[in-house]
Structure formats: C-alpha cells, structure tokens
Amino acid sequence: CSSDLGTLFSNGNEDIDAVYVRNDGDIILSTIGNATLGGLSFSDGDLVRYNPTTNIATLFFDENNFSANEDIDGVHILANGNILLSTMGTASLPGASNFRDGSIVEYNPGTNTATLYFNETLFSGGADINALTLPPAVVSIDHFEIIHDGTALTCEPESITVRACASADCSSLYTGSATVNLTPTGWVGGDSQT
C-alpha cells in the first residue's frame, strides 16, 4: 500500500479536501474534483469510505443529498454515526437551509436530515471552516449506585459496593477516577472513598 493516498486515484493524483480516519482503519474522504478510487467514481460533494487493505471504496454520503452541487471540505463522524460536515460554499440539506462555508452541520443518514451544529456567525469576520476534528467524547458520571444485600443490623458493618454509572440504567460504568464522600461520618475504612 502506498504511503501517499493521492497516488491511488485513477488519475494518479488527487487533492483530498476532507478526511476522517475511522477506528477500524477505513478512511472517509472527499476530493476537490471528481475522482475514482478503489473502483468507485465519485463527485467532489460525495464522501467515500475507503478500505486501504482491500483497496475498495464505497459511497458513504451522496452529493445528491444537497440541493445543489457542493464540495465538502471538512468531515467528522460522530459515535452515533451522524456526520459533521462543512462545505466550500453556502449549501442546503434537508432540515438545514443555506448554511455557509464557516458553518458545520450534523447530518443524520438514517433520517436524511441535518441540523446546524455550529453557525459561522459566531466568528467575527465570517471565517471559513476547512477541516474538522473533535476530541474523543468525555464520559461523565450519570449517578452512583449503592449495592448491598439488605441484611445489615444497627451497629453491625455491612459490605457495600458503590458503582459510578455512566448511563441511566448503569449498563455502562464510568472508568475514570471518582471520589465519594460518605455521610454521616464514621464509616469503616473512612468517610471518603475513591
């Protein structure tokens, strides 16, 4: 596999203007012009999912979702599968009309609708967005769950487990460090537990 993705295009060279690397190693990309990669011909407003191991590309987002010809110049895929994207000019998708080149929209492929994620008007001077990246999602604590067998007697210690839940049903746990201060005071092992 070549270290320069641009040389894998059928014309021998292509300018990539939006790229996102998935956890599985596949690459989501858009190009400045029409191109062919991994056996797939596509337009500048398409997003392509390219597998560098198999050299196969598939259409990930179709430019026809836009109301007119557009060029995607920034992309990020959210954990829920929605697509954050920016375009080179003013564009429209179902649910998000006339967003500008400095705006970011969140597109839901399941419902074929978009919402404004970031508005260009927040910039002074109407800046353009040409690339997107977000840090990994920060998981926070939803609540603490206290587990015990319910057979404690007054003045007799009872073993308990305190779990930091990252979801409402506690199906996923918070894996970071957390400290719980127990009240009233006098707990065996201390009033503050990490």
N, C-alpha and C. Protein backbone atom coordinates (compact mmCIF):
# COMPACT_ATOMS: atom_id res chain seq x y z
N CYS A 1 0.84 -1.18 0.00
CA CYS A 1 0.00 0.00 0.00
C CYS A 1 0.89 1.25 0.00
N SER A 2 0.57 2.18 -0.81
CA SER A 2 1.36 3.41 -0.93
C SER A 2 1.17 4.29 0.30
N SER A 3 2.20 5.02 0.66
CA SER A 3 2.10 5.93 1.80
C SER A 3 1.41 7.23 1.39
N ASP A 4 1.25 7.49 0.10
CA ASP A 4 0.59 8.70 -0.39
C ASP A 4 -0.75 8.31 -0.99
N LEU A 5 -1.82 8.57 -0.26
CA LEU A 5 -3.16 8.19 -0.70
C LEU A 5 -3.50 8.81 -2.05
N GLY A 6 -3.00 10.00 -2.32
CA GLY A 6 -3.29 10.68 -3.58
C GLY A 6 -2.87 9.91 -4.80
N THR A 7 -1.83 9.08 -4.70
CA THR A 7 -1.36 8.31 -5.86
C THR A 7 -2.24 7.11 -6.15
N LEU A 8 -3.19 6.77 -5.29
CA LEU A 8 -4.06 5.63 -5.51
C LEU A 8 -5.25 5.96 -6.39
N PHE A 9 -5.46 7.22 -6.70
CA PHE A 9 -6.56 7.62 -7.56
C PHE A 9 -6.25 7.25 -9.01
N SER A 10 -7.31 7.01 -9.80
CA SER A 10 -7.11 6.54 -11.17
C SER A 10 -6.35 7.54 -12.03
N ASN A 11 -6.44 8.83 -11.71
CA ASN A 11 -5.70 9.82 -12.50
C ASN A 11 -4.27 10.01 -11.98
N GLY A 12 -3.89 9.23 -10.96
CA GLY A 12 -2.53 9.27 -10.44
C GLY A 12 -2.30 10.29 -9.35
N ASN A 13 -3.20 11.27 -9.23
CA ASN A 13 -3.02 12.29 -8.21
C ASN A 13 -4.36 12.99 -8.01
N GLU A 14 -4.72 13.26 -6.78
CA GLU A 14 -5.96 13.96 -6.48
C GLU A 14 -5.80 14.71 -5.17
N ASP A 15 -6.44 15.84 -5.07
CA ASP A 15 -6.38 16.63 -3.84
C ASP A 15 -7.55 16.26 -2.94
N ILE A 16 -7.23 15.79 -1.74
CA ILE A 16 -8.24 15.44 -0.74
C ILE A 16 -8.50 16.69 0.09
N ASP A 17 -9.77 17.10 0.20
CA ASP A 17 -10.06 18.31 0.98
C ASP A 17 -10.85 18.03 2.25
N ALA A 18 -11.22 16.79 2.51
CA ALA A 18 -11.85 16.41 3.77
C ALA A 18 -11.47 14.97 4.05
N VAL A 19 -11.08 14.66 5.27
CA VAL A 19 -10.66 13.31 5.60
C VAL A 19 -10.97 13.01 7.06
N TYR A 20 -11.36 11.77 7.31
CA TYR A 20 -11.60 11.27 8.67
C TYR A 20 -11.16 9.81 8.68
N VAL A 21 -10.33 9.43 9.65
CA VAL A 21 -9.86 8.05 9.77
C VAL A 21 -10.68 7.36 10.87
N ARG A 22 -11.36 6.31 10.48
CA ARG A 22 -12.19 5.55 11.43
C ARG A 22 -11.34 4.66 12.32
N ASN A 23 -11.90 4.22 13.44
CA ASN A 23 -11.18 3.33 14.35
C ASN A 23 -10.79 2.02 13.68
N ASP A 24 -11.56 1.56 12.69
CA ASP A 24 -11.23 0.31 12.00
C ASP A 24 -10.18 0.49 10.91
N GLY A 25 -9.67 1.71 10.72
CA GLY A 25 -8.63 1.98 9.73
C GLY A 25 -9.16 2.46 8.39
N ASP A 26 -10.47 2.31 8.15
CA ASP A 26 -11.05 2.83 6.91
C ASP A 26 -10.98 4.36 6.93
N ILE A 27 -10.96 4.94 5.74
CA ILE A 27 -10.81 6.39 5.60
C ILE A 27 -12.06 6.95 4.93
N ILE A 28 -12.66 7.97 5.55
CA ILE A 28 -13.77 8.70 4.95
C ILE A 28 -13.14 9.94 4.32
N LEU A 29 -13.41 10.19 3.03
CA LEU A 29 -12.76 11.32 2.38
C LEU A 29 -13.63 11.95 1.32
N SER A 30 -13.28 13.19 0.98
CA SER A 30 -13.86 13.91 -0.14
C SER A 30 -12.71 14.56 -0.89
N THR A 31 -12.90 14.77 -2.18
CA THR A 31 -11.85 15.36 -3.01
C THR A 31 -12.31 16.69 -3.60
N ILE A 32 -11.35 17.47 -4.06
CA ILE A 32 -11.66 18.78 -4.65
C ILE A 32 -12.41 18.62 -5.97
N GLY A 33 -12.09 17.60 -6.73
CA GLY A 33 -12.75 17.37 -8.01
C GLY A 33 -13.33 15.97 -8.08
N ASN A 34 -13.95 15.65 -9.20
CA ASN A 34 -14.45 14.30 -9.42
C ASN A 34 -13.25 13.35 -9.51
N ALA A 35 -13.42 12.14 -8.98
CA ALA A 35 -12.28 11.23 -8.91
C ALA A 35 -12.75 9.78 -8.95
N THR A 36 -11.78 8.86 -9.08
CA THR A 36 -12.04 7.43 -8.98
C THR A 36 -11.01 6.85 -8.03
N LEU A 37 -11.49 6.08 -7.05
CA LEU A 37 -10.63 5.46 -6.05
C LEU A 37 -11.21 4.10 -5.71
N GLY A 38 -10.37 3.08 -5.67
CA GLY A 38 -10.82 1.75 -5.28
C GLY A 38 -11.99 1.23 -6.10
N GLY A 39 -12.02 1.59 -7.39
CA GLY A 39 -13.07 1.14 -8.27
C GLY A 39 -14.35 1.96 -8.23
N LEU A 40 -14.39 3.04 -7.46
CA LEU A 40 -15.58 3.87 -7.34
C LEU A 40 -15.32 5.25 -7.91
N SER A 41 -16.15 5.69 -8.84
CA SER A 41 -16.10 7.06 -9.34
C SER A 41 -17.07 7.90 -8.51
N PHE A 42 -16.63 9.10 -8.12
CA PHE A 42 -17.46 9.93 -7.25
C PHE A 42 -17.21 11.41 -7.51
N SER A 43 -18.09 12.25 -6.96
CA SER A 43 -18.03 13.70 -7.15
C SER A 43 -17.41 14.39 -5.95
N ASP A 44 -17.10 15.68 -6.12
CA ASP A 44 -16.47 16.47 -5.06
C ASP A 44 -17.36 16.65 -3.83
N GLY A 45 -18.65 16.48 -3.97
CA GLY A 45 -19.57 16.61 -2.84
C GLY A 45 -19.94 15.29 -2.20
N ASP A 46 -19.36 14.20 -2.70
CA ASP A 46 -19.58 12.88 -2.11
C ASP A 46 -18.57 12.65 -0.99
N LEU A 47 -18.94 11.79 -0.06
CA LEU A 47 -17.99 11.24 0.89
C LEU A 47 -17.84 9.77 0.56
N VAL A 48 -16.59 9.31 0.53
CA VAL A 48 -16.27 7.94 0.17
C VAL A 48 -15.64 7.26 1.38
N ARG A 49 -16.04 6.00 1.60
CA ARG A 49 -15.37 5.18 2.62
C ARG A 49 -14.40 4.27 1.89
N TYR A 50 -13.12 4.44 2.18
CA TYR A 50 -12.07 3.70 1.50
C TYR A 50 -11.38 2.75 2.48
N ASN A 51 -11.28 1.47 2.08
CA ASN A 51 -10.56 0.47 2.87
C ASN A 51 -9.18 0.30 2.24
N PRO A 52 -8.12 0.79 2.91
CA PRO A 52 -6.78 0.71 2.32
C PRO A 52 -6.22 -0.72 2.26
N THR A 53 -6.77 -1.64 3.03
CA THR A 53 -6.31 -3.03 3.00
C THR A 53 -6.81 -3.74 1.75
N THR A 54 -8.09 -3.54 1.42
CA THR A 54 -8.69 -4.22 0.27
C THR A 54 -8.68 -3.36 -1.00
N ASN A 55 -8.34 -2.06 -0.86
CA ASN A 55 -8.38 -1.11 -1.96
C ASN A 55 -9.79 -1.03 -2.58
N ILE A 56 -10.80 -1.02 -1.70
CA ILE A 56 -12.19 -0.90 -2.14
C ILE A 56 -12.80 0.36 -1.52
N ALA A 57 -13.48 1.13 -2.37
CA ALA A 57 -14.16 2.34 -1.91
C ALA A 57 -15.66 2.16 -2.11
N THR A 58 -16.44 2.69 -1.17
CA THR A 58 -17.90 2.68 -1.28
C THR A 58 -18.41 4.09 -0.99
N LEU A 59 -19.57 4.40 -1.54
CA LEU A 59 -20.17 5.71 -1.32
C LEU A 59 -20.70 5.78 0.11
N PHE A 60 -20.27 6.78 0.87
CA PHE A 60 -20.66 6.96 2.26
C PHE A 60 -21.73 8.05 2.40
N PHE A 61 -21.61 9.11 1.61
CA PHE A 61 -22.57 10.21 1.59
C PHE A 61 -22.67 10.68 0.14
N ASP A 62 -23.89 10.79 -0.35
CA ASP A 62 -24.13 11.15 -1.74
C ASP A 62 -24.34 12.66 -1.88
N GLU A 63 -23.60 13.28 -2.79
CA GLU A 63 -23.74 14.71 -3.05
C GLU A 63 -25.18 15.08 -3.40
N ASN A 64 -25.94 14.14 -3.93
CA ASN A 64 -27.33 14.42 -4.29
C ASN A 64 -28.21 14.75 -3.08
N ASN A 65 -27.70 14.51 -1.85
CA ASN A 65 -28.43 14.93 -0.65
C ASN A 65 -28.50 16.45 -0.56
N PHE A 66 -27.52 17.15 -1.14
CA PHE A 66 -27.54 18.61 -1.18
C PHE A 66 -28.58 19.07 -2.20
N SER A 67 -29.03 20.32 -2.04
CA SER A 67 -29.99 20.86 -3.01
C SER A 67 -29.31 21.30 -4.30
N ALA A 68 -27.98 21.41 -4.30
CA ALA A 68 -27.21 21.80 -5.49
C ALA A 68 -25.82 21.18 -5.39
N ASN A 69 -25.01 21.36 -6.44
CA ASN A 69 -23.65 20.86 -6.46
C ASN A 69 -22.83 21.54 -5.34
N GLU A 70 -22.23 20.74 -4.46
CA GLU A 70 -21.44 21.27 -3.34
C GLU A 70 -20.12 20.52 -3.23
N ASP A 71 -19.17 21.13 -2.53
CA ASP A 71 -17.89 20.48 -2.27
C ASP A 71 -17.70 20.42 -0.75
N ILE A 72 -17.57 19.23 -0.21
CA ILE A 72 -17.34 19.04 1.22
C ILE A 72 -15.86 19.29 1.50
N ASP A 73 -15.58 20.18 2.47
CA ASP A 73 -14.19 20.47 2.80
C ASP A 73 -13.84 20.19 4.26
N GLY A 74 -14.75 19.57 4.99
CA GLY A 74 -14.48 19.15 6.37
C GLY A 74 -15.45 18.06 6.76
N VAL A 75 -14.95 17.01 7.43
CA VAL A 75 -15.82 15.91 7.83
C VAL A 75 -15.33 15.31 9.14
N HIS A 76 -16.30 14.90 9.96
CA HIS A 76 -16.02 14.15 11.20
C HIS A 76 -17.22 13.24 11.43
N ILE A 77 -16.98 12.00 11.81
CA ILE A 77 -18.05 11.05 12.07
C ILE A 77 -18.22 10.92 13.57
N LEU A 78 -19.45 11.15 14.05
CA LEU A 78 -19.74 11.06 15.47
C LEU A 78 -19.97 9.59 15.86
N ALA A 79 -19.89 9.31 17.15
CA ALA A 79 -20.06 7.95 17.66
C ALA A 79 -21.42 7.37 17.30
N ASN A 80 -22.44 8.21 17.16
CA ASN A 80 -23.78 7.73 16.82
C ASN A 80 -23.97 7.50 15.32
N GLY A 81 -22.92 7.73 14.52
CA GLY A 81 -22.98 7.53 13.08
C GLY A 81 -23.35 8.78 12.30
N ASN A 82 -23.77 9.84 12.99
CA ASN A 82 -24.07 11.08 12.29
C ASN A 82 -22.79 11.71 11.76
N ILE A 83 -22.94 12.53 10.72
CA ILE A 83 -21.80 13.12 10.03
C ILE A 83 -21.78 14.62 10.28
N LEU A 84 -20.66 15.13 10.80
CA LEU A 84 -20.44 16.57 10.85
C LEU A 84 -19.74 16.94 9.55
N LEU A 85 -20.23 17.99 8.88
CA LEU A 85 -19.55 18.39 7.65
C LEU A 85 -19.62 19.89 7.45
N SER A 86 -18.66 20.36 6.66
CA SER A 86 -18.57 21.75 6.24
C SER A 86 -18.41 21.73 4.72
N THR A 87 -18.88 22.79 4.08
CA THR A 87 -18.78 22.87 2.62
C THR A 87 -18.00 24.12 2.21
N MET A 88 -17.56 24.15 0.95
CA MET A 88 -16.79 25.28 0.44
C MET A 88 -17.64 26.52 0.22
N GLY A 89 -18.94 26.35 0.06
CA GLY A 89 -19.83 27.48 -0.18
C GLY A 89 -21.13 27.31 0.59
N THR A 90 -22.06 28.22 0.37
CA THR A 90 -23.37 28.12 1.00
C THR A 90 -24.08 26.88 0.46
N ALA A 91 -24.67 26.10 1.35
CA ALA A 91 -25.28 24.82 0.96
C ALA A 91 -26.58 24.60 1.71
N SER A 92 -27.35 23.63 1.23
CA SER A 92 -28.60 23.25 1.89
C SER A 92 -28.74 21.73 1.89
N LEU A 93 -29.17 21.21 3.03
CA LEU A 93 -29.54 19.81 3.19
C LEU A 93 -30.93 19.80 3.81
N PRO A 94 -31.69 18.71 3.69
CA PRO A 94 -32.99 18.67 4.34
C PRO A 94 -32.88 19.01 5.82
N GLY A 95 -33.59 20.04 6.25
CA GLY A 95 -33.56 20.48 7.65
C GLY A 95 -32.58 21.60 7.93
N ALA A 96 -31.65 21.86 7.06
CA ALA A 96 -30.64 22.92 7.26
C ALA A 96 -30.45 23.66 5.95
N SER A 97 -31.14 24.77 5.81
CA SER A 97 -31.09 25.55 4.57
C SER A 97 -30.05 26.65 4.66
N ASN A 98 -29.34 26.85 3.57
CA ASN A 98 -28.42 27.97 3.38
C ASN A 98 -27.40 28.13 4.50
N PHE A 99 -26.79 27.01 4.92
CA PHE A 99 -25.68 27.15 5.86
C PHE A 99 -24.44 27.55 5.08
N ARG A 100 -23.58 28.33 5.70
CA ARG A 100 -22.45 28.93 5.00
C ARG A 100 -21.17 28.12 5.16
N ASP A 101 -20.12 28.52 4.42
CA ASP A 101 -18.86 27.78 4.42
C ASP A 101 -18.15 27.78 5.77
N GLY A 102 -18.54 28.66 6.66
CA GLY A 102 -17.96 28.67 8.00
C GLY A 102 -18.83 27.98 9.03
N SER A 103 -19.89 27.34 8.57
CA SER A 103 -20.80 26.62 9.46
C SER A 103 -20.51 25.13 9.41
N ILE A 104 -20.96 24.43 10.44
CA ILE A 104 -20.88 22.97 10.49
C ILE A 104 -22.29 22.46 10.69
N VAL A 105 -22.68 21.46 9.91
CA VAL A 105 -23.98 20.83 10.11
C VAL A 105 -23.78 19.38 10.56
N GLU A 106 -24.76 18.89 11.30
CA GLU A 106 -24.79 17.49 11.70
C GLU A 106 -25.85 16.81 10.86
N TYR A 107 -25.41 15.86 10.04
CA TYR A 107 -26.31 15.15 9.13
C TYR A 107 -26.59 13.77 9.69
N ASN A 108 -27.88 13.41 9.77
CA ASN A 108 -28.30 12.10 10.23
C ASN A 108 -28.65 11.26 9.00
N PRO A 109 -27.82 10.27 8.65
CA PRO A 109 -28.09 9.48 7.45
C PRO A 109 -29.36 8.62 7.58
N GLY A 110 -29.76 8.27 8.78
CA GLY A 110 -30.95 7.45 8.98
C GLY A 110 -32.24 8.19 8.66
N THR A 111 -32.26 9.49 8.95
CA THR A 111 -33.47 10.29 8.71
C THR A 111 -33.31 11.23 7.52
N ASN A 112 -32.12 11.29 6.94
CA ASN A 112 -31.80 12.21 5.84
C ASN A 112 -32.15 13.65 6.22
N THR A 113 -31.77 14.04 7.43
CA THR A 113 -31.98 15.41 7.88
C THR A 113 -30.70 15.94 8.51
N ALA A 114 -30.58 17.27 8.48
CA ALA A 114 -29.41 17.93 9.05
C ALA A 114 -29.86 19.04 9.99
N THR A 115 -29.03 19.33 10.96
CA THR A 115 -29.25 20.46 11.86
C THR A 115 -27.96 21.26 11.95
N LEU A 116 -28.10 22.53 12.21
CA LEU A 116 -26.93 23.39 12.36
C LEU A 116 -26.21 23.04 13.66
N TYR A 117 -24.94 22.68 13.56
CA TYR A 117 -24.12 22.29 14.70
C TYR A 117 -23.30 23.47 15.19
N PHE A 118 -22.79 24.27 14.26
CA PHE A 118 -22.00 25.47 14.57
C PHE A 118 -22.30 26.50 13.50
N ASN A 119 -22.63 27.71 13.91
CA ASN A 119 -23.02 28.75 12.97
C ASN A 119 -21.84 29.69 12.70
N GLU A 120 -21.58 29.93 11.42
CA GLU A 120 -20.49 30.83 11.01
C GLU A 120 -20.61 32.20 11.65
N THR A 121 -21.81 32.63 11.98
CA THR A 121 -22.00 33.97 12.55
C THR A 121 -21.31 34.13 13.90
N LEU A 122 -20.90 33.03 14.53
CA LEU A 122 -20.17 33.12 15.80
C LEU A 122 -18.75 33.63 15.61
N PHE A 123 -18.24 33.55 14.37
CA PHE A 123 -16.94 34.13 14.05
C PHE A 123 -17.12 35.61 13.78
N SER A 124 -16.15 36.41 14.18
CA SER A 124 -16.17 37.80 13.72
C SER A 124 -15.45 37.82 12.38
N GLY A 125 -16.07 38.36 11.37
CA GLY A 125 -15.44 38.43 10.05
C GLY A 125 -15.81 37.30 9.12
N GLY A 126 -16.72 36.40 9.50
CA GLY A 126 -17.18 35.36 8.60
C GLY A 126 -16.12 34.37 8.17
N ALA A 127 -15.41 33.78 9.09
CA ALA A 127 -14.34 32.83 8.76
C ALA A 127 -14.89 31.56 8.12
N ASP A 128 -14.03 30.87 7.40
CA ASP A 128 -14.36 29.63 6.72
C ASP A 128 -13.80 28.46 7.52
N ILE A 129 -14.52 27.35 7.54
CA ILE A 129 -14.03 26.12 8.17
C ILE A 129 -13.62 25.18 7.05
N ASN A 130 -12.37 24.70 7.11
CA ASN A 130 -11.85 23.82 6.08
C ASN A 130 -11.43 22.46 6.60
N ALA A 131 -11.58 22.21 7.90
CA ALA A 131 -11.21 20.92 8.47
C ALA A 131 -11.96 20.75 9.78
N LEU A 132 -12.25 19.51 10.13
CA LEU A 132 -12.96 19.22 11.37
C LEU A 132 -12.24 18.13 12.12
N THR A 133 -12.16 18.27 13.42
CA THR A 133 -11.74 17.19 14.29
C THR A 133 -12.30 17.49 15.67
N LEU A 134 -12.72 16.47 16.34
CA LEU A 134 -13.24 16.61 17.70
C LEU A 134 -12.45 15.69 18.60
N PRO A 135 -12.23 16.10 19.84
CA PRO A 135 -11.56 15.19 20.76
C PRO A 135 -12.51 14.03 21.09
N PRO A 136 -11.97 12.92 21.59
CA PRO A 136 -12.85 11.81 21.98
C PRO A 136 -13.88 12.29 22.99
N ALA A 137 -15.04 11.69 22.92
CA ALA A 137 -16.12 12.07 23.83
C ALA A 137 -15.71 11.84 25.28
N VAL A 138 -16.06 12.77 26.13
CA VAL A 138 -15.79 12.65 27.55
C VAL A 138 -16.99 11.97 28.20
N VAL A 139 -16.74 10.85 28.85
CA VAL A 139 -17.79 10.13 29.53
C VAL A 139 -17.89 10.70 30.94
N SER A 140 -19.10 11.03 31.35
CA SER A 140 -19.28 11.58 32.69
C SER A 140 -20.12 10.62 33.53
N ILE A 141 -20.16 10.89 34.80
CA ILE A 141 -20.92 10.06 35.74
C ILE A 141 -22.38 10.50 35.70
N ASP A 142 -23.27 9.55 35.45
CA ASP A 142 -24.71 9.82 35.48
C ASP A 142 -25.21 9.80 36.93
N HIS A 143 -24.81 8.78 37.67
CA HIS A 143 -25.18 8.67 39.08
C HIS A 143 -24.32 7.59 39.75
N PHE A 144 -24.40 7.50 41.07
CA PHE A 144 -23.73 6.44 41.81
C PHE A 144 -24.78 5.42 42.25
N GLU A 145 -24.44 4.15 42.15
CA GLU A 145 -25.34 3.07 42.56
C GLU A 145 -24.72 2.39 43.78
N ILE A 146 -25.53 2.22 44.82
CA ILE A 146 -25.07 1.56 46.05
C ILE A 146 -25.70 0.17 46.08
N ILE A 147 -24.84 -0.85 46.19
CA ILE A 147 -25.31 -2.23 46.17
C ILE A 147 -24.97 -2.87 47.53
N HIS A 148 -25.98 -3.50 48.15
CA HIS A 148 -25.76 -4.25 49.39
C HIS A 148 -26.84 -5.33 49.47
N ASP A 149 -26.65 -6.28 50.39
CA ASP A 149 -27.61 -7.39 50.45
C ASP A 149 -28.83 -7.08 51.32
N GLY A 150 -28.83 -5.95 52.01
CA GLY A 150 -30.00 -5.53 52.77
C GLY A 150 -30.18 -6.20 54.10
N THR A 151 -29.15 -6.88 54.62
CA THR A 151 -29.31 -7.60 55.88
C THR A 151 -28.51 -6.97 57.02
N ALA A 152 -28.17 -5.73 56.93
CA ALA A 152 -27.38 -5.08 57.97
C ALA A 152 -28.21 -4.86 59.22
N LEU A 153 -27.53 -4.89 60.38
CA LEU A 153 -28.16 -4.58 61.66
C LEU A 153 -27.53 -3.32 62.21
N THR A 154 -28.23 -2.64 63.08
CA THR A 154 -27.70 -1.44 63.71
C THR A 154 -26.37 -1.78 64.38
N CYS A 155 -25.39 -0.95 64.15
CA CYS A 155 -24.04 -1.06 64.72
C CYS A 155 -23.26 -2.27 64.20
N GLU A 156 -23.75 -2.98 63.19
CA GLU A 156 -23.03 -4.08 62.56
C GLU A 156 -22.61 -3.63 61.16
N PRO A 157 -21.33 -3.77 60.81
CA PRO A 157 -20.90 -3.35 59.47
C PRO A 157 -21.58 -4.18 58.38
N GLU A 158 -21.85 -3.54 57.29
CA GLU A 158 -22.42 -4.19 56.10
C GLU A 158 -21.51 -3.87 54.93
N SER A 159 -21.14 -4.86 54.16
CA SER A 159 -20.33 -4.62 52.96
C SER A 159 -21.23 -4.01 51.89
N ILE A 160 -20.75 -2.93 51.28
CA ILE A 160 -21.48 -2.30 50.19
C ILE A 160 -20.53 -2.10 49.01
N THR A 161 -21.10 -1.99 47.85
CA THR A 161 -20.35 -1.66 46.65
C THR A 161 -20.94 -0.38 46.09
N VAL A 162 -20.10 0.59 45.78
CA VAL A 162 -20.55 1.83 45.15
C VAL A 162 -20.01 1.83 43.73
N ARG A 163 -20.93 1.93 42.75
CA ARG A 163 -20.54 1.94 41.34
C ARG A 163 -20.85 3.31 40.75
N ALA A 164 -19.92 3.82 39.96
CA ALA A 164 -20.14 5.07 39.22
C ALA A 164 -20.71 4.70 37.86
N CYS A 165 -21.96 5.05 37.61
CA CYS A 165 -22.66 4.67 36.39
C CYS A 165 -22.54 5.78 35.35
N ALA A 166 -22.20 5.38 34.13
CA ALA A 166 -22.09 6.35 33.03
C ALA A 166 -23.40 6.46 32.26
N SER A 167 -24.35 5.56 32.54
CA SER A 167 -25.66 5.60 31.88
C SER A 167 -26.75 5.49 32.92
N ALA A 168 -27.97 5.89 32.55
CA ALA A 168 -29.08 5.91 33.49
C ALA A 168 -29.40 4.52 34.04
N ASP A 169 -29.26 3.48 33.21
CA ASP A 169 -29.56 2.12 33.66
C ASP A 169 -28.33 1.39 34.22
N CYS A 170 -27.22 2.08 34.30
CA CYS A 170 -25.94 1.56 34.84
C CYS A 170 -25.41 0.39 34.01
N SER A 171 -25.80 0.32 32.73
CA SER A 171 -25.27 -0.74 31.86
C SER A 171 -23.84 -0.44 31.43
N SER A 172 -23.43 0.82 31.53
CA SER A 172 -22.03 1.17 31.29
C SER A 172 -21.52 1.94 32.49
N LEU A 173 -20.32 1.58 32.90
CA LEU A 173 -19.73 2.18 34.10
C LEU A 173 -18.71 3.24 33.73
N TYR A 174 -18.59 4.23 34.58
CA TYR A 174 -17.55 5.24 34.45
C TYR A 174 -16.23 4.59 34.83
N THR A 175 -15.21 4.71 33.98
CA THR A 175 -13.94 4.02 34.23
C THR A 175 -12.84 4.94 34.75
N GLY A 176 -13.14 6.23 34.87
CA GLY A 176 -12.15 7.16 35.40
C GLY A 176 -12.12 7.09 36.92
N SER A 177 -11.42 8.00 37.51
CA SER A 177 -11.31 8.06 38.96
C SER A 177 -12.42 8.95 39.52
N ALA A 178 -13.03 8.52 40.62
CA ALA A 178 -14.07 9.31 41.28
C ALA A 178 -13.92 9.14 42.79
N THR A 179 -14.24 10.18 43.53
CA THR A 179 -14.19 10.15 44.99
C THR A 179 -15.59 10.43 45.52
N VAL A 180 -16.03 9.60 46.48
CA VAL A 180 -17.33 9.76 47.10
C VAL A 180 -17.11 10.07 48.57
N ASN A 181 -17.76 11.12 49.05
CA ASN A 181 -17.71 11.47 50.47
C ASN A 181 -19.00 10.96 51.11
N LEU A 182 -18.85 10.05 52.09
CA LEU A 182 -19.98 9.39 52.73
C LEU A 182 -20.39 10.13 54.00
N THR A 183 -21.70 10.24 54.19
CA THR A 183 -22.23 10.86 55.41
C THR A 183 -23.33 9.97 55.97
N PRO A 184 -23.57 9.98 57.24
CA PRO A 184 -22.82 10.72 58.25
C PRO A 184 -21.41 10.15 58.39
N THR A 185 -20.60 10.79 59.17
CA THR A 185 -19.21 10.35 59.34
C THR A 185 -19.14 9.07 60.17
N GLY A 186 -17.96 8.42 60.11
CA GLY A 186 -17.72 7.23 60.92
C GLY A 186 -17.76 5.93 60.14
N TRP A 187 -17.63 5.95 58.83
CA TRP A 187 -17.65 4.75 58.03
C TRP A 187 -16.36 3.95 58.22
N VAL A 188 -16.49 2.62 58.27
CA VAL A 188 -15.33 1.74 58.36
C VAL A 188 -14.53 1.92 57.07
N GLY A 189 -13.26 2.20 57.18
CA GLY A 189 -12.43 2.43 56.01
C GLY A 189 -12.33 3.90 55.63
N GLY A 190 -13.09 4.76 56.31
CA GLY A 190 -13.01 6.19 56.07
C GLY A 190 -14.26 6.76 55.41
N ASP A 191 -14.44 8.06 55.57
CA ASP A 191 -15.62 8.73 55.06
C ASP A 191 -15.49 9.13 53.59
N SER A 192 -14.27 9.09 53.06
CA SER A 192 -14.02 9.44 51.67
C SER A 192 -13.44 8.22 50.96
N GLN A 193 -14.12 7.77 49.90
CA GLN A 193 -13.69 6.58 49.16
C GLN A 193 -13.45 6.95 47.70
N THR A 194 -12.36 6.41 47.14
CA THR A 194 -12.03 6.65 45.73
C THR A 194 -12.22 5.37 44.94
